[in-house]
């Protein structure tokens, strides 16, 4: 910066017109802050921000809240029910899958006189495996290696086994077969429970190959 420009700036600051403009600007700011309308507007904006932060949907984020709402079914508002519906689903007929499951839940309520969601949770918890067996190829030979399962993967396997066992049952109506299978699984009985016990036995028998993971 040249000496002439700095000298100009100094002369501008010493100018009384410059000083008057500065004083007017600061007065305008202070009067605006003292104005009750300005204060009300400021209060409204801060209140909106605070309520938005307290709101649980704001905390989750609109996209995550929408995703959670989408994962739950329309009647029971449960994610397990929606998982079952998606597994029952064939050829894109989701309304039929919902109808089958809701009829099965009504049958369960009629027969057990309990909340069908409780029976469903007990059934899935009873069938969910802790370990599974996976084939690994080492040195030209295949080994059945036991692997620990996460809860999500275990639930998926449990639902698959429950639906497979209910389809193999004698009868024509899928809703009645599914209801009987869920009631049996909640009582620690049925083909789905046997499947879980078989996988656990296989994992125990092949424990020596656990280092091939």
Protein backbone atom coordinates (compact mmCIF):
# COMPACT_ATOMS: atom_id res chain seq x y z
CA UNK A 1 0.00 0.00 0.00
CA UNK A 2 1.39 3.43 -0.95
CA UNK A 3 1.92 6.31 1.46
CA UNK A 4 -0.57 8.51 -0.42
CA UNK A 5 -3.49 6.05 0.09
CA UNK A 6 -2.77 5.76 3.84
CA UNK A 7 -2.63 9.53 4.11
CA UNK A 8 -6.02 9.78 2.31
CA UNK A 9 -7.57 7.29 4.74
CA UNK A 10 -6.33 9.28 7.71
CA UNK A 11 -7.74 12.51 6.31
CA UNK A 12 -11.11 10.77 5.67
CA UNK A 13 -11.31 9.63 9.29
CA UNK A 14 -10.48 13.07 10.56
CA UNK A 15 -13.22 14.53 8.30
CA UNK A 16 -16.32 15.58 10.38
CA UNK A 17 -18.77 14.34 7.67
CA UNK A 18 -17.30 10.82 7.95
CA UNK A 19 -17.73 10.98 11.75
CA UNK A 20 -21.37 12.07 11.46
CA UNK A 21 -22.20 9.21 9.08
CA UNK A 22 -20.59 6.68 11.44
CA UNK A 23 -22.59 8.02 14.42
CA UNK A 24 -25.86 7.86 12.43
CA UNK A 25 -25.19 4.26 11.40
CA UNK A 26 -24.50 3.13 14.99
CA UNK A 27 -27.63 4.94 16.24
CA UNK A 28 -29.77 3.18 13.63
CA UNK A 29 -28.44 -0.20 14.80
CA UNK A 30 -29.15 0.52 18.48
CA UNK A 31 -32.68 1.83 17.78
CA UNK A 32 -33.44 -1.24 15.65
CA UNK A 33 -32.38 -3.53 18.51
CA UNK A 34 -34.43 -1.52 21.00
CA UNK A 35 -37.49 -1.69 18.71
CA UNK A 36 -40.13 -4.18 20.14
CA UNK A 37 -41.07 -5.48 16.64
CA UNK A 38 -37.42 -6.36 15.98
CA UNK A 39 -37.24 -8.14 19.35
CA UNK A 40 -40.43 -10.14 18.65
CA UNK A 41 -39.09 -11.29 15.29
CA UNK A 42 -35.80 -12.32 16.85
CA UNK A 43 -37.66 -14.23 19.60
CA UNK A 44 -39.79 -16.07 17.05
CA UNK A 45 -36.78 -17.24 15.04
CA UNK A 46 -34.95 -18.49 18.16
CA UNK A 47 -38.12 -20.24 19.41
CA UNK A 48 -38.55 -21.95 16.03
CA UNK A 49 -34.95 -23.16 16.11
CA UNK A 50 -35.25 -24.52 19.66
CA UNK A 51 -38.55 -26.36 18.94
CA UNK A 52 -37.06 -27.84 15.78
CA UNK A 53 -34.07 -29.17 17.72
CA UNK A 54 -36.31 -30.68 20.43
CA UNK A 55 -38.58 -32.33 17.81
CA UNK A 56 -37.63 -36.06 17.48
CA UNK A 57 -38.19 -36.06 13.69
CA UNK A 58 -35.73 -33.13 13.37
CA UNK A 59 -33.21 -35.07 15.47
CA UNK A 60 -33.52 -38.22 13.35
CA UNK A 61 -33.64 -36.30 10.11
CA UNK A 62 -36.56 -36.39 7.72
CA UNK A 63 -34.98 -39.07 5.50
CA UNK A 64 -34.28 -41.50 8.37
CA UNK A 65 -37.76 -40.94 9.82
CA UNK A 66 -39.29 -41.68 6.42
CA UNK A 67 -37.17 -44.83 6.10
CA UNK A 68 -38.27 -46.07 9.54
CA UNK A 69 -41.92 -45.37 8.73
CA UNK A 70 -41.53 -47.21 5.43
CA UNK A 71 -40.03 -50.29 7.12
CA UNK A 72 -43.01 -50.72 9.50
CA UNK A 73 -46.31 -52.28 8.36
CA UNK A 74 -49.57 -50.22 8.32
CA UNK A 75 -51.54 -52.09 11.05
CA UNK A 76 -49.07 -53.39 13.68
CA UNK A 77 -46.37 -50.77 13.00
CA UNK A 78 -43.73 -53.46 13.43
CA UNK A 79 -40.58 -54.11 11.42
CA UNK A 80 -40.66 -57.90 12.01
CA UNK A 81 -44.12 -58.06 10.43
CA UNK A 82 -42.84 -56.14 7.41
CA UNK A 83 -39.84 -58.49 7.12
CA UNK A 84 -42.19 -61.48 7.12
CA UNK A 85 -44.43 -59.86 4.49
CA UNK A 86 -41.44 -59.23 2.21
CA UNK A 87 -40.44 -62.91 2.53
CA UNK A 88 -43.98 -64.20 1.89
CA UNK A 89 -44.20 -61.90 -1.16
CA UNK A 90 -44.19 -63.68 -4.54
CA UNK A 91 -44.56 -62.26 -8.07
CA UNK A 92 -44.93 -58.71 -6.66
CA UNK A 93 -48.31 -59.44 -4.96
CA UNK A 94 -47.73 -57.49 -1.74
CA UNK A 95 -51.43 -57.04 -0.90
CA UNK A 96 -51.83 -60.84 -0.96
CA UNK A 97 -48.79 -61.25 1.32
CA UNK A 98 -50.25 -58.74 3.80
CA UNK A 99 -53.61 -60.55 3.72
CA UNK A 100 -51.96 -63.94 4.45
CA UNK A 101 -49.97 -62.59 7.40
CA UNK A 102 -52.84 -60.60 8.95
CA UNK A 103 -55.15 -63.63 8.75
CA UNK A 104 -52.44 -65.75 10.37
CA UNK A 105 -52.08 -63.19 13.19
CA UNK A 106 -55.86 -63.22 13.76
CA UNK A 107 -55.81 -67.03 13.97
CA UNK A 108 -52.97 -66.88 16.50
CA UNK A 109 -54.93 -64.40 18.64
CA UNK A 110 -58.04 -66.61 18.48
CA UNK A 111 -56.20 -69.81 19.44
CA UNK A 112 -53.70 -68.60 22.02
CA UNK A 113 -55.72 -65.63 23.42
CA UNK A 114 -52.47 -63.65 23.48
CA UNK A 115 -51.09 -60.68 21.62
CA UNK A 116 -50.02 -62.12 18.22
CA UNK A 117 -46.95 -59.83 18.15
CA UNK A 118 -45.68 -61.44 21.37
CA UNK A 119 -46.14 -64.92 19.85
CA UNK A 120 -44.36 -63.81 16.66
CA UNK A 121 -41.41 -62.39 18.62
CA UNK A 122 -41.15 -65.57 20.73
CA UNK A 123 -41.22 -67.73 17.58
CA UNK A 124 -38.52 -65.74 15.79
CA UNK A 125 -36.38 -65.54 18.96
CA UNK A 126 -36.68 -69.32 19.40
CA UNK A 127 -35.71 -70.10 15.80
CA UNK A 128 -32.89 -67.49 15.45
CA UNK A 129 -29.54 -69.36 15.34
CA UNK A 130 -26.41 -68.12 17.08
CA UNK A 131 -24.00 -69.89 14.70
CA UNK A 132 -24.14 -71.21 11.13
CA UNK A 133 -21.98 -73.44 8.94
CA UNK A 134 -20.30 -72.18 5.77
CA UNK A 135 -18.38 -74.23 3.17
CA UNK A 136 -14.72 -73.24 2.73
CA UNK A 137 -12.36 -74.73 0.17
CA UNK A 138 -8.79 -75.33 1.41
CA UNK A 139 -6.12 -77.34 -0.39
CA UNK A 140 -8.51 -79.14 -2.74
CA UNK A 141 -10.95 -80.23 0.00
CA UNK A 142 -14.12 -78.53 1.29
CA UNK A 143 -14.67 -77.92 5.02
CA UNK A 144 -17.85 -76.94 6.85
CA UNK A 145 -16.65 -74.00 8.94
CA UNK A 146 -18.76 -72.71 11.89
CA UNK A 147 -19.34 -68.92 11.82
CA UNK A 148 -20.91 -66.63 14.44
CA UNK A 149 -23.99 -64.80 13.18
CA UNK A 150 -25.13 -61.23 13.78
CA UNK A 151 -28.65 -60.69 15.11
CA UNK A 152 -29.92 -59.28 11.77
CA UNK A 153 -28.61 -62.25 9.78
CA UNK A 154 -29.99 -64.66 12.39
CA UNK A 155 -33.46 -63.08 12.09
CA UNK A 156 -33.37 -63.39 8.29
CA UNK A 157 -32.49 -67.10 8.58
CA UNK A 158 -35.20 -67.64 11.22
CA UNK A 159 -37.88 -66.06 8.98
CA UNK A 160 -36.69 -68.15 6.01
CA UNK A 161 -36.87 -71.38 8.01
CA UNK A 162 -40.29 -70.53 9.48
CA UNK A 163 -41.78 -69.85 6.05
CA UNK A 164 -40.11 -72.93 4.54
CA UNK A 165 -41.47 -75.16 7.33
CA UNK A 166 -44.97 -73.63 7.05
CA UNK A 167 -45.03 -74.20 3.26
CA UNK A 168 -44.12 -77.88 3.76
CA UNK A 169 -46.99 -78.40 6.20
CA UNK A 170 -50.07 -80.28 4.91
CA UNK A 171 -53.04 -78.11 3.97
CA UNK A 172 -54.08 -75.58 1.36
CA UNK A 173 -54.35 -72.25 3.24
CA UNK A 174 -50.99 -70.55 3.76
CA UNK A 175 -52.36 -68.36 6.58
CA UNK A 176 -53.44 -71.39 8.68
CA UNK A 177 -50.13 -73.22 8.01
CA UNK A 178 -48.13 -70.13 9.00
CA UNK A 179 -50.18 -69.59 12.17
CA UNK A 180 -49.65 -73.23 13.28
CA UNK A 181 -45.91 -73.02 12.58
CA UNK A 182 -45.54 -69.77 14.54
CA UNK A 183 -47.46 -71.20 17.53
CA UNK A 184 -45.26 -74.35 17.46
CA UNK A 185 -42.06 -72.30 17.21
CA UNK A 186 -43.15 -70.17 20.20
CA UNK A 187 -43.57 -73.47 22.15
CA UNK A 188 -40.06 -74.66 21.00
CA UNK A 189 -41.54 -77.22 18.62
CA UNK A 190 -41.88 -77.71 14.85
CA UNK A 191 -39.61 -78.12 11.81
CA UNK A 192 -38.06 -74.64 12.07
CA UNK A 193 -36.79 -75.41 15.59
CA UNK A 194 -35.39 -78.74 14.34
CA UNK A 195 -33.56 -76.90 11.56
CA UNK A 196 -31.96 -74.56 14.10
CA UNK A 197 -30.89 -77.49 16.30
CA UNK A 198 -29.38 -79.28 13.26
CA UNK A 199 -27.28 -76.23 12.33
CA UNK A 200 -26.05 -75.92 15.93
CA UNK A 201 -25.14 -79.63 15.98
CA UNK A 202 -23.25 -79.28 12.66
CA UNK A 203 -21.38 -76.24 13.98
CA UNK A 204 -20.45 -78.14 17.15
CA UNK A 205 -19.27 -81.19 15.13
CA UNK A 206 -17.09 -79.00 12.86
CA UNK A 207 -15.59 -76.95 15.66
CA UNK A 208 -12.09 -78.17 14.74
CA UNK A 209 -12.28 -76.24 11.43
CA UNK A 210 -13.11 -72.89 13.06
CA UNK A 211 -9.59 -71.57 12.29
CA UNK A 212 -10.38 -71.71 8.52
CA UNK A 213 -12.54 -68.55 8.80
